[in-house]
N, C-alpha and C. Protein backbone atom coordinates (compact mmCIF):
# COMPACT_ATOMS: atom_id res chain seq x y z
N MET A 1 -9.34 -4.44 -16.43
CA MET A 1 -8.54 -3.23 -16.42
C MET A 1 -8.04 -2.94 -17.83
N SER A 2 -7.79 -1.68 -18.07
CA SER A 2 -7.25 -1.27 -19.36
C SER A 2 -5.82 -1.76 -19.51
N PRO A 3 -5.42 -2.19 -20.70
CA PRO A 3 -4.04 -2.64 -20.88
C PRO A 3 -3.06 -1.49 -20.71
N GLY A 4 -1.89 -1.79 -20.20
CA GLY A 4 -0.85 -0.78 -20.03
C GLY A 4 0.06 -1.10 -18.87
N PRO A 5 1.12 -0.31 -18.69
CA PRO A 5 2.11 -0.58 -17.64
C PRO A 5 1.53 -0.58 -16.23
N SER A 6 0.64 0.35 -15.93
CA SER A 6 0.05 0.39 -14.58
C SER A 6 -0.77 -0.86 -14.30
N SER A 7 -1.46 -1.35 -15.30
CA SER A 7 -2.26 -2.57 -15.13
C SER A 7 -1.37 -3.78 -14.86
N ILE A 8 -0.21 -3.82 -15.50
CA ILE A 8 0.73 -4.92 -15.26
C ILE A 8 1.26 -4.86 -13.83
N LEU A 9 1.61 -3.66 -13.36
CA LEU A 9 2.07 -3.51 -11.98
C LEU A 9 0.97 -3.89 -10.99
N THR A 10 -0.26 -3.51 -11.30
CA THR A 10 -1.39 -3.85 -10.44
C THR A 10 -1.57 -5.37 -10.38
N LYS A 11 -1.54 -6.01 -11.52
CA LYS A 11 -1.70 -7.47 -11.58
C LYS A 11 -0.60 -8.16 -10.76
N ASP A 12 0.64 -7.71 -10.91
CA ASP A 12 1.74 -8.30 -10.14
C ASP A 12 1.57 -8.06 -8.64
N THR A 13 1.06 -6.90 -8.28
CA THR A 13 0.82 -6.62 -6.86
C THR A 13 -0.20 -7.60 -6.30
N LEU A 14 -1.29 -7.78 -7.02
CA LEU A 14 -2.36 -8.66 -6.54
C LEU A 14 -1.94 -10.13 -6.54
N GLU A 15 -1.20 -10.54 -7.53
CA GLU A 15 -0.84 -11.95 -7.64
C GLU A 15 0.45 -12.32 -6.92
N VAL A 16 1.46 -11.47 -7.00
CA VAL A 16 2.77 -11.82 -6.45
C VAL A 16 2.97 -11.23 -5.05
N PHE A 17 2.83 -9.91 -4.92
CA PHE A 17 3.05 -9.29 -3.61
C PHE A 17 2.16 -9.92 -2.54
N CYS A 18 0.88 -10.04 -2.84
CA CYS A 18 -0.06 -10.58 -1.84
C CYS A 18 0.33 -11.98 -1.39
N SER A 19 0.75 -12.82 -2.33
CA SER A 19 1.10 -14.20 -1.96
C SER A 19 2.40 -14.26 -1.16
N LYS A 20 3.28 -13.30 -1.35
CA LYS A 20 4.57 -13.33 -0.65
C LYS A 20 4.55 -12.63 0.71
N PHE A 21 3.70 -11.61 0.87
CA PHE A 21 3.80 -10.78 2.07
C PHE A 21 2.55 -10.73 2.94
N LEU A 22 1.45 -11.31 2.50
CA LEU A 22 0.22 -11.29 3.29
C LEU A 22 -0.20 -12.72 3.63
N ILE A 23 -0.82 -12.88 4.79
CA ILE A 23 -1.24 -14.20 5.25
C ILE A 23 -2.54 -14.63 4.58
N ASP A 24 -3.55 -13.77 4.66
CA ASP A 24 -4.87 -14.05 4.08
C ASP A 24 -5.33 -12.80 3.34
N PRO A 25 -4.78 -12.56 2.14
CA PRO A 25 -5.06 -11.32 1.43
C PRO A 25 -6.47 -11.25 0.86
N ALA A 26 -6.98 -10.02 0.82
CA ALA A 26 -8.28 -9.77 0.21
C ALA A 26 -8.26 -8.40 -0.44
N LEU A 27 -8.89 -8.30 -1.59
CA LEU A 27 -8.98 -7.04 -2.32
C LEU A 27 -10.25 -6.32 -1.90
N ILE A 28 -10.08 -5.11 -1.38
CA ILE A 28 -11.22 -4.29 -0.98
C ILE A 28 -11.59 -3.31 -2.08
N PHE A 29 -10.58 -2.67 -2.66
CA PHE A 29 -10.85 -1.60 -3.61
C PHE A 29 -9.76 -1.58 -4.67
N LEU A 30 -10.18 -1.36 -5.92
CA LEU A 30 -9.24 -1.26 -7.03
C LEU A 30 -9.74 -0.19 -7.98
N SER A 31 -8.84 0.73 -8.31
CA SER A 31 -9.21 1.79 -9.26
C SER A 31 -8.12 1.93 -10.30
N GLU A 32 -8.45 2.63 -11.36
CA GLU A 32 -7.47 2.99 -12.38
C GLU A 32 -7.88 4.34 -12.93
N SER A 33 -6.95 5.02 -13.55
CA SER A 33 -7.22 6.39 -13.99
C SER A 33 -8.38 6.49 -14.98
N GLY A 34 -8.50 5.58 -15.91
CA GLY A 34 -9.58 5.66 -16.89
C GLY A 34 -10.94 5.27 -16.34
N ASN A 35 -10.95 4.39 -15.34
CA ASN A 35 -12.18 3.86 -14.76
C ASN A 35 -12.01 3.92 -13.26
N LYS A 36 -12.49 4.98 -12.63
CA LYS A 36 -12.20 5.26 -11.23
C LYS A 36 -12.34 4.02 -10.34
N VAL A 37 -13.46 3.32 -10.42
CA VAL A 37 -13.66 2.14 -9.58
C VAL A 37 -13.77 0.90 -10.47
N VAL A 38 -12.80 0.02 -10.35
CA VAL A 38 -12.81 -1.24 -11.09
C VAL A 38 -13.43 -2.33 -10.24
N HIS A 39 -13.12 -2.31 -8.93
CA HIS A 39 -13.63 -3.30 -7.99
C HIS A 39 -13.81 -2.63 -6.63
N GLN A 40 -14.93 -2.94 -5.99
CA GLN A 40 -15.18 -2.41 -4.65
C GLN A 40 -15.98 -3.46 -3.88
N ASP A 41 -15.39 -3.99 -2.82
CA ASP A 41 -16.05 -5.01 -2.00
C ASP A 41 -16.53 -4.36 -0.71
N ASN A 42 -17.72 -3.77 -0.76
CA ASN A 42 -18.27 -3.08 0.40
C ASN A 42 -18.56 -4.03 1.55
N LYS A 43 -18.95 -5.26 1.23
CA LYS A 43 -19.25 -6.23 2.29
C LYS A 43 -17.99 -6.53 3.11
N LEU A 44 -16.89 -6.79 2.43
CA LEU A 44 -15.63 -7.04 3.12
C LEU A 44 -15.19 -5.81 3.90
N ALA A 45 -15.27 -4.64 3.26
CA ALA A 45 -14.86 -3.40 3.93
C ALA A 45 -15.64 -3.21 5.23
N LYS A 46 -16.94 -3.38 5.17
CA LYS A 46 -17.77 -3.20 6.37
C LYS A 46 -17.46 -4.26 7.42
N SER A 47 -17.16 -5.49 6.98
CA SER A 47 -16.89 -6.57 7.94
C SER A 47 -15.62 -6.31 8.75
N ILE A 48 -14.71 -5.52 8.20
CA ILE A 48 -13.49 -5.20 8.97
C ILE A 48 -13.52 -3.77 9.49
N GLY A 49 -14.64 -3.07 9.27
CA GLY A 49 -14.82 -1.74 9.86
C GLY A 49 -14.31 -0.59 9.02
N LEU A 50 -14.21 -0.76 7.72
CA LEU A 50 -13.72 0.32 6.86
C LEU A 50 -14.86 0.83 5.99
N ASN A 51 -15.09 2.13 6.03
CA ASN A 51 -16.13 2.75 5.21
C ASN A 51 -15.46 3.39 4.00
N ILE A 52 -15.77 2.88 2.81
CA ILE A 52 -15.15 3.38 1.59
C ILE A 52 -16.14 4.24 0.83
N GLU A 53 -15.72 5.44 0.54
CA GLU A 53 -16.50 6.32 -0.33
C GLU A 53 -15.67 6.55 -1.58
N ALA A 54 -16.16 6.03 -2.69
CA ALA A 54 -15.39 6.09 -3.94
C ALA A 54 -15.11 7.51 -4.40
N ASN A 55 -15.90 8.47 -3.93
CA ASN A 55 -15.66 9.86 -4.34
C ASN A 55 -14.54 10.51 -3.55
N LYS A 56 -14.03 9.82 -2.55
CA LYS A 56 -12.87 10.31 -1.79
C LYS A 56 -11.61 10.08 -2.62
N ASN A 57 -10.53 10.71 -2.21
CA ASN A 57 -9.26 10.55 -2.91
C ASN A 57 -8.59 9.26 -2.44
N LEU A 58 -9.01 8.15 -3.00
CA LEU A 58 -8.53 6.84 -2.58
C LEU A 58 -7.30 6.42 -3.38
N PRO A 59 -6.53 5.47 -2.84
CA PRO A 59 -5.35 4.97 -3.57
C PRO A 59 -5.78 4.04 -4.70
N ASP A 60 -4.80 3.57 -5.44
CA ASP A 60 -5.07 2.64 -6.53
C ASP A 60 -5.66 1.33 -6.04
N ILE A 61 -5.12 0.84 -4.92
CA ILE A 61 -5.56 -0.44 -4.37
C ILE A 61 -5.70 -0.31 -2.86
N ILE A 62 -6.75 -0.92 -2.31
CA ILE A 62 -6.84 -1.12 -0.87
C ILE A 62 -6.94 -2.62 -0.66
N LEU A 63 -5.97 -3.15 0.07
CA LEU A 63 -5.92 -4.56 0.40
C LEU A 63 -6.19 -4.74 1.88
N ALA A 64 -6.59 -5.94 2.25
CA ALA A 64 -6.70 -6.30 3.66
C ALA A 64 -5.94 -7.60 3.84
N ASP A 65 -5.32 -7.74 5.00
CA ASP A 65 -4.76 -9.02 5.39
C ASP A 65 -5.58 -9.49 6.57
N ARG A 66 -6.41 -10.50 6.32
CA ARG A 66 -7.30 -11.01 7.36
C ARG A 66 -6.63 -12.08 8.20
N GLY A 67 -5.35 -12.37 7.93
CA GLY A 67 -4.63 -13.41 8.64
C GLY A 67 -4.29 -13.09 10.08
N PRO A 68 -3.81 -11.88 10.37
CA PRO A 68 -3.51 -11.55 11.76
C PRO A 68 -4.79 -11.50 12.60
N ALA A 69 -4.64 -11.61 13.94
CA ALA A 69 -5.81 -11.54 14.82
C ALA A 69 -6.63 -10.29 14.55
N THR A 70 -5.95 -9.17 14.36
CA THR A 70 -6.61 -7.93 13.96
C THR A 70 -6.22 -7.67 12.52
N PRO A 71 -7.21 -7.56 11.62
CA PRO A 71 -6.87 -7.34 10.21
C PRO A 71 -6.06 -6.06 10.01
N ILE A 72 -5.24 -6.06 8.98
CA ILE A 72 -4.54 -4.84 8.61
C ILE A 72 -5.03 -4.38 7.25
N ILE A 73 -4.97 -3.09 7.04
CA ILE A 73 -5.35 -2.47 5.78
C ILE A 73 -4.05 -2.03 5.10
N ILE A 74 -3.95 -2.29 3.81
CA ILE A 74 -2.76 -1.89 3.06
C ILE A 74 -3.21 -0.94 1.95
N PHE A 75 -2.91 0.35 2.14
CA PHE A 75 -3.18 1.36 1.12
C PHE A 75 -2.02 1.32 0.13
N THR A 76 -2.32 1.09 -1.13
CA THR A 76 -1.28 0.84 -2.13
C THR A 76 -1.39 1.79 -3.31
N GLU A 77 -0.27 2.40 -3.64
CA GLU A 77 -0.20 3.23 -4.85
C GLU A 77 0.70 2.53 -5.85
N ILE A 78 0.22 2.41 -7.07
CA ILE A 78 0.96 1.84 -8.19
C ILE A 78 1.60 3.00 -8.93
N VAL A 79 2.92 2.99 -9.03
CA VAL A 79 3.59 4.15 -9.64
C VAL A 79 4.30 3.73 -10.93
N HIS A 80 3.71 4.16 -12.02
CA HIS A 80 4.36 4.01 -13.32
C HIS A 80 4.98 5.35 -13.73
N THR A 81 4.29 6.45 -13.39
CA THR A 81 4.80 7.78 -13.72
C THR A 81 4.84 8.70 -12.51
N ASP A 82 3.85 8.62 -11.63
CA ASP A 82 3.78 9.54 -10.49
C ASP A 82 2.75 9.02 -9.49
N GLY A 83 2.72 9.62 -8.30
CA GLY A 83 1.68 9.32 -7.33
C GLY A 83 2.05 8.35 -6.22
N PRO A 84 3.23 8.50 -5.58
CA PRO A 84 3.62 7.59 -4.51
C PRO A 84 2.90 7.92 -3.20
N ILE A 85 3.15 7.09 -2.20
CA ILE A 85 2.72 7.41 -0.85
C ILE A 85 3.75 8.39 -0.29
N ASP A 86 3.41 9.67 -0.33
CA ASP A 86 4.25 10.69 0.29
C ASP A 86 3.60 11.07 1.62
N ASP A 87 4.19 12.02 2.34
CA ASP A 87 3.67 12.36 3.67
C ASP A 87 2.23 12.83 3.64
N SER A 88 1.88 13.70 2.71
CA SER A 88 0.50 14.20 2.69
C SER A 88 -0.48 13.10 2.33
N ARG A 89 -0.10 12.23 1.41
CA ARG A 89 -0.97 11.11 1.02
C ARG A 89 -1.13 10.14 2.18
N LYS A 90 -0.03 9.86 2.86
CA LYS A 90 -0.08 8.96 4.01
C LYS A 90 -1.00 9.51 5.08
N ASN A 91 -0.88 10.79 5.39
CA ASN A 91 -1.72 11.40 6.42
C ASN A 91 -3.19 11.37 6.05
N ALA A 92 -3.50 11.64 4.78
CA ALA A 92 -4.90 11.63 4.33
C ALA A 92 -5.48 10.22 4.42
N LEU A 93 -4.72 9.23 4.00
CA LEU A 93 -5.21 7.85 4.05
C LEU A 93 -5.30 7.34 5.48
N LEU A 94 -4.36 7.74 6.32
CA LEU A 94 -4.42 7.35 7.72
C LEU A 94 -5.67 7.93 8.38
N SER A 95 -6.00 9.17 8.06
CA SER A 95 -7.22 9.79 8.60
C SER A 95 -8.45 9.00 8.21
N LEU A 96 -8.49 8.54 6.97
CA LEU A 96 -9.61 7.73 6.49
C LEU A 96 -9.73 6.44 7.32
N ALA A 97 -8.61 5.78 7.56
CA ALA A 97 -8.62 4.54 8.32
C ALA A 97 -8.98 4.78 9.78
N LEU A 98 -8.42 5.83 10.38
CA LEU A 98 -8.73 6.15 11.77
C LEU A 98 -10.21 6.47 11.94
N ALA A 99 -10.77 7.18 10.99
CA ALA A 99 -12.20 7.51 11.04
C ALA A 99 -13.05 6.25 10.94
N GLY A 100 -12.52 5.22 10.31
CA GLY A 100 -13.22 3.94 10.20
C GLY A 100 -13.01 3.04 11.39
N GLY A 101 -12.27 3.51 12.39
CA GLY A 101 -12.07 2.74 13.61
C GLY A 101 -10.80 1.92 13.65
N PHE A 102 -9.94 2.05 12.64
CA PHE A 102 -8.68 1.32 12.65
C PHE A 102 -7.66 2.03 13.52
N LYS A 103 -6.79 1.26 14.14
CA LYS A 103 -5.67 1.84 14.87
C LYS A 103 -4.51 2.02 13.89
N ALA A 104 -3.70 3.02 14.14
CA ALA A 104 -2.59 3.33 13.23
C ALA A 104 -1.67 2.13 13.03
N GLU A 105 -1.48 1.32 14.06
CA GLU A 105 -0.56 0.18 13.91
C GLU A 105 -1.13 -0.93 13.01
N ASN A 106 -2.39 -0.81 12.61
CA ASN A 106 -3.00 -1.79 11.72
C ASN A 106 -3.20 -1.24 10.31
N VAL A 107 -2.49 -0.17 10.00
CA VAL A 107 -2.59 0.46 8.69
C VAL A 107 -1.20 0.49 8.07
N VAL A 108 -1.11 0.01 6.84
CA VAL A 108 0.16 -0.09 6.13
C VAL A 108 0.07 0.72 4.83
N PHE A 109 1.18 1.32 4.46
CA PHE A 109 1.25 2.14 3.24
C PHE A 109 2.32 1.56 2.33
N LEU A 110 1.95 1.30 1.09
CA LEU A 110 2.83 0.62 0.14
C LEU A 110 2.85 1.37 -1.18
N THR A 111 4.06 1.60 -1.69
CA THR A 111 4.22 2.14 -3.04
C THR A 111 4.89 1.07 -3.88
N VAL A 112 4.33 0.81 -5.06
CA VAL A 112 4.83 -0.24 -5.95
C VAL A 112 5.46 0.40 -7.19
N PHE A 113 6.67 -0.03 -7.49
CA PHE A 113 7.38 0.39 -8.70
C PHE A 113 7.76 -0.86 -9.48
N ASN A 114 8.09 -0.67 -10.74
CA ASN A 114 8.55 -1.79 -11.54
C ASN A 114 9.97 -2.20 -11.15
N ASP A 115 10.86 -1.21 -10.96
CA ASP A 115 12.27 -1.52 -10.79
C ASP A 115 12.99 -0.40 -10.04
N ARG A 116 14.00 -0.77 -9.25
CA ARG A 116 14.79 0.24 -8.53
C ARG A 116 15.57 1.16 -9.44
N SER A 117 15.91 0.67 -10.62
CA SER A 117 16.70 1.50 -11.53
C SER A 117 15.84 2.39 -12.43
N SER A 118 14.53 2.30 -12.28
CA SER A 118 13.66 3.11 -13.14
C SER A 118 13.81 4.60 -12.84
N GLN A 119 13.65 5.38 -13.86
CA GLN A 119 13.76 6.83 -13.71
C GLN A 119 12.71 7.37 -12.75
N VAL A 120 11.50 6.84 -12.80
CA VAL A 120 10.44 7.34 -11.93
C VAL A 120 10.77 7.07 -10.46
N TYR A 121 11.34 5.91 -10.13
CA TYR A 121 11.72 5.64 -8.75
C TYR A 121 12.82 6.60 -8.30
N ARG A 122 13.83 6.78 -9.12
CA ARG A 122 14.93 7.68 -8.76
C ARG A 122 14.43 9.10 -8.56
N LYS A 123 13.44 9.50 -9.33
CA LYS A 123 12.88 10.85 -9.22
C LYS A 123 12.04 11.02 -7.95
N ILE A 124 11.34 9.97 -7.54
CA ILE A 124 10.36 10.06 -6.46
C ILE A 124 10.90 9.62 -5.10
N VAL A 125 11.98 8.87 -5.06
CA VAL A 125 12.43 8.23 -3.82
C VAL A 125 12.53 9.21 -2.65
N SER A 126 12.97 10.42 -2.88
CA SER A 126 13.13 11.37 -1.76
C SER A 126 11.80 11.86 -1.21
N SER A 127 10.71 11.65 -1.92
CA SER A 127 9.40 12.10 -1.43
C SER A 127 8.60 10.98 -0.76
N LEU A 128 9.11 9.76 -0.78
CA LEU A 128 8.39 8.65 -0.15
C LEU A 128 8.26 8.88 1.34
N ALA A 129 7.11 8.53 1.88
CA ALA A 129 6.82 8.77 3.30
C ALA A 129 7.57 7.78 4.18
N TRP A 130 8.14 8.32 5.26
CA TRP A 130 8.67 7.45 6.30
C TRP A 130 7.49 6.70 6.89
N GLY A 131 7.74 5.49 7.35
CA GLY A 131 6.65 4.68 7.88
C GLY A 131 5.85 4.00 6.78
N SER A 132 6.48 3.84 5.62
CA SER A 132 5.81 3.15 4.52
C SER A 132 6.75 2.08 3.96
N PHE A 133 6.23 1.33 2.99
CA PHE A 133 6.98 0.26 2.36
C PHE A 133 7.08 0.52 0.87
N VAL A 134 8.13 -0.02 0.26
CA VAL A 134 8.31 0.06 -1.19
C VAL A 134 8.58 -1.36 -1.68
N TRP A 135 7.85 -1.73 -2.73
CA TRP A 135 8.02 -3.05 -3.33
C TRP A 135 8.27 -2.89 -4.82
N PHE A 136 9.22 -3.68 -5.33
CA PHE A 136 9.57 -3.65 -6.74
C PHE A 136 9.17 -4.97 -7.40
N VAL A 137 8.42 -4.87 -8.48
CA VAL A 137 8.00 -6.06 -9.22
C VAL A 137 9.22 -6.86 -9.67
N SER A 138 10.30 -6.17 -10.04
CA SER A 138 11.50 -6.85 -10.54
C SER A 138 12.27 -7.59 -9.46
N GLU A 139 11.98 -7.32 -8.19
CA GLU A 139 12.64 -7.99 -7.07
C GLU A 139 11.56 -8.46 -6.10
N PRO A 140 10.74 -9.43 -6.50
CA PRO A 140 9.52 -9.75 -5.77
C PRO A 140 9.70 -10.31 -4.36
N ASP A 141 10.87 -10.82 -4.04
CA ASP A 141 11.08 -11.39 -2.71
C ASP A 141 11.53 -10.38 -1.68
N ASN A 142 11.77 -9.15 -2.10
CA ASN A 142 12.32 -8.13 -1.21
C ASN A 142 11.35 -6.97 -1.05
N ILE A 143 11.51 -6.26 0.06
CA ILE A 143 10.69 -5.09 0.33
C ILE A 143 11.54 -4.08 1.09
N ILE A 144 11.35 -2.82 0.79
CA ILE A 144 12.06 -1.76 1.51
C ILE A 144 11.14 -1.22 2.60
N VAL A 145 11.66 -1.13 3.79
CA VAL A 145 10.93 -0.59 4.93
C VAL A 145 11.51 0.79 5.23
N LEU A 146 10.69 1.81 5.12
CA LEU A 146 11.11 3.17 5.46
C LEU A 146 10.70 3.42 6.90
N LYS A 147 11.52 2.94 7.81
CA LYS A 147 11.21 2.96 9.25
C LYS A 147 11.18 4.39 9.76
N ASP A 148 10.10 4.72 10.49
CA ASP A 148 9.97 6.09 10.98
C ASP A 148 10.06 6.22 12.48
N LYS A 149 10.10 5.12 13.19
CA LYS A 149 10.16 5.19 14.65
C LYS A 149 11.61 5.00 15.08
N PRO A 150 12.11 5.88 15.95
CA PRO A 150 13.50 5.75 16.38
C PRO A 150 13.71 4.50 17.23
N LEU A 151 14.90 3.98 17.17
CA LEU A 151 15.26 2.87 18.04
C LEU A 151 15.33 3.38 19.47
N SER A 152 14.96 2.55 20.41
CA SER A 152 15.11 2.95 21.80
C SER A 152 16.59 2.94 22.15
N SER A 153 16.94 3.52 23.27
CA SER A 153 18.35 3.69 23.63
C SER A 153 19.10 2.37 23.77
N ASN A 154 18.39 1.29 24.04
CA ASN A 154 19.08 0.01 24.20
C ASN A 154 18.96 -0.88 22.96
N GLN A 155 18.59 -0.31 21.81
CA GLN A 155 18.50 -1.07 20.57
C GLN A 155 19.64 -0.70 19.64
N SER A 156 19.93 -1.61 18.75
CA SER A 156 20.96 -1.34 17.74
C SER A 156 20.42 -1.77 16.38
N LEU A 157 21.22 -1.57 15.39
CA LEU A 157 20.85 -1.98 14.04
C LEU A 157 20.53 -3.47 14.00
N LYS A 158 21.24 -4.25 14.78
CA LYS A 158 21.00 -5.70 14.85
C LYS A 158 19.56 -6.01 15.20
N ASP A 159 18.92 -5.17 16.02
CA ASP A 159 17.53 -5.40 16.42
C ASP A 159 16.55 -5.27 15.26
N LEU A 160 16.99 -4.66 14.19
CA LEU A 160 16.13 -4.52 13.01
C LEU A 160 16.21 -5.73 12.10
N LEU A 161 17.19 -6.60 12.33
CA LEU A 161 17.35 -7.78 11.47
C LEU A 161 16.35 -8.85 11.79
């Protein structure tokens, strides 16, 4: 990958996020602005039922967690300046996964930032999609869950702990 801030965030996502939050992580697709496709594992994608067309509007990273009984796909956007998982991006990526035979509950959306105090995060936070996750390289043990499903009538905040 080309040197720069986005490459550092990408490296941390692959090395740190994956080891902390995934059971059996695998890299399916990796792109960067200067070189659209850096890595593409078509064999792995096909083995879990995902059809990747590099000419589609794909995210920066597509990860798989092969640890659960049913693999999950993690569509990941690396945000140094712009380009989070917002509602329209989430819907487009979900359509791609559904067309590949994945169920919505096996698809995860992740936006990666360097730090919560960064100007880009403060600018973009209101556009982040509900039903997605936010991870900060500067706080590697924590993750923000933007929960989009309402609690049932007999649930409380305690049930989210």
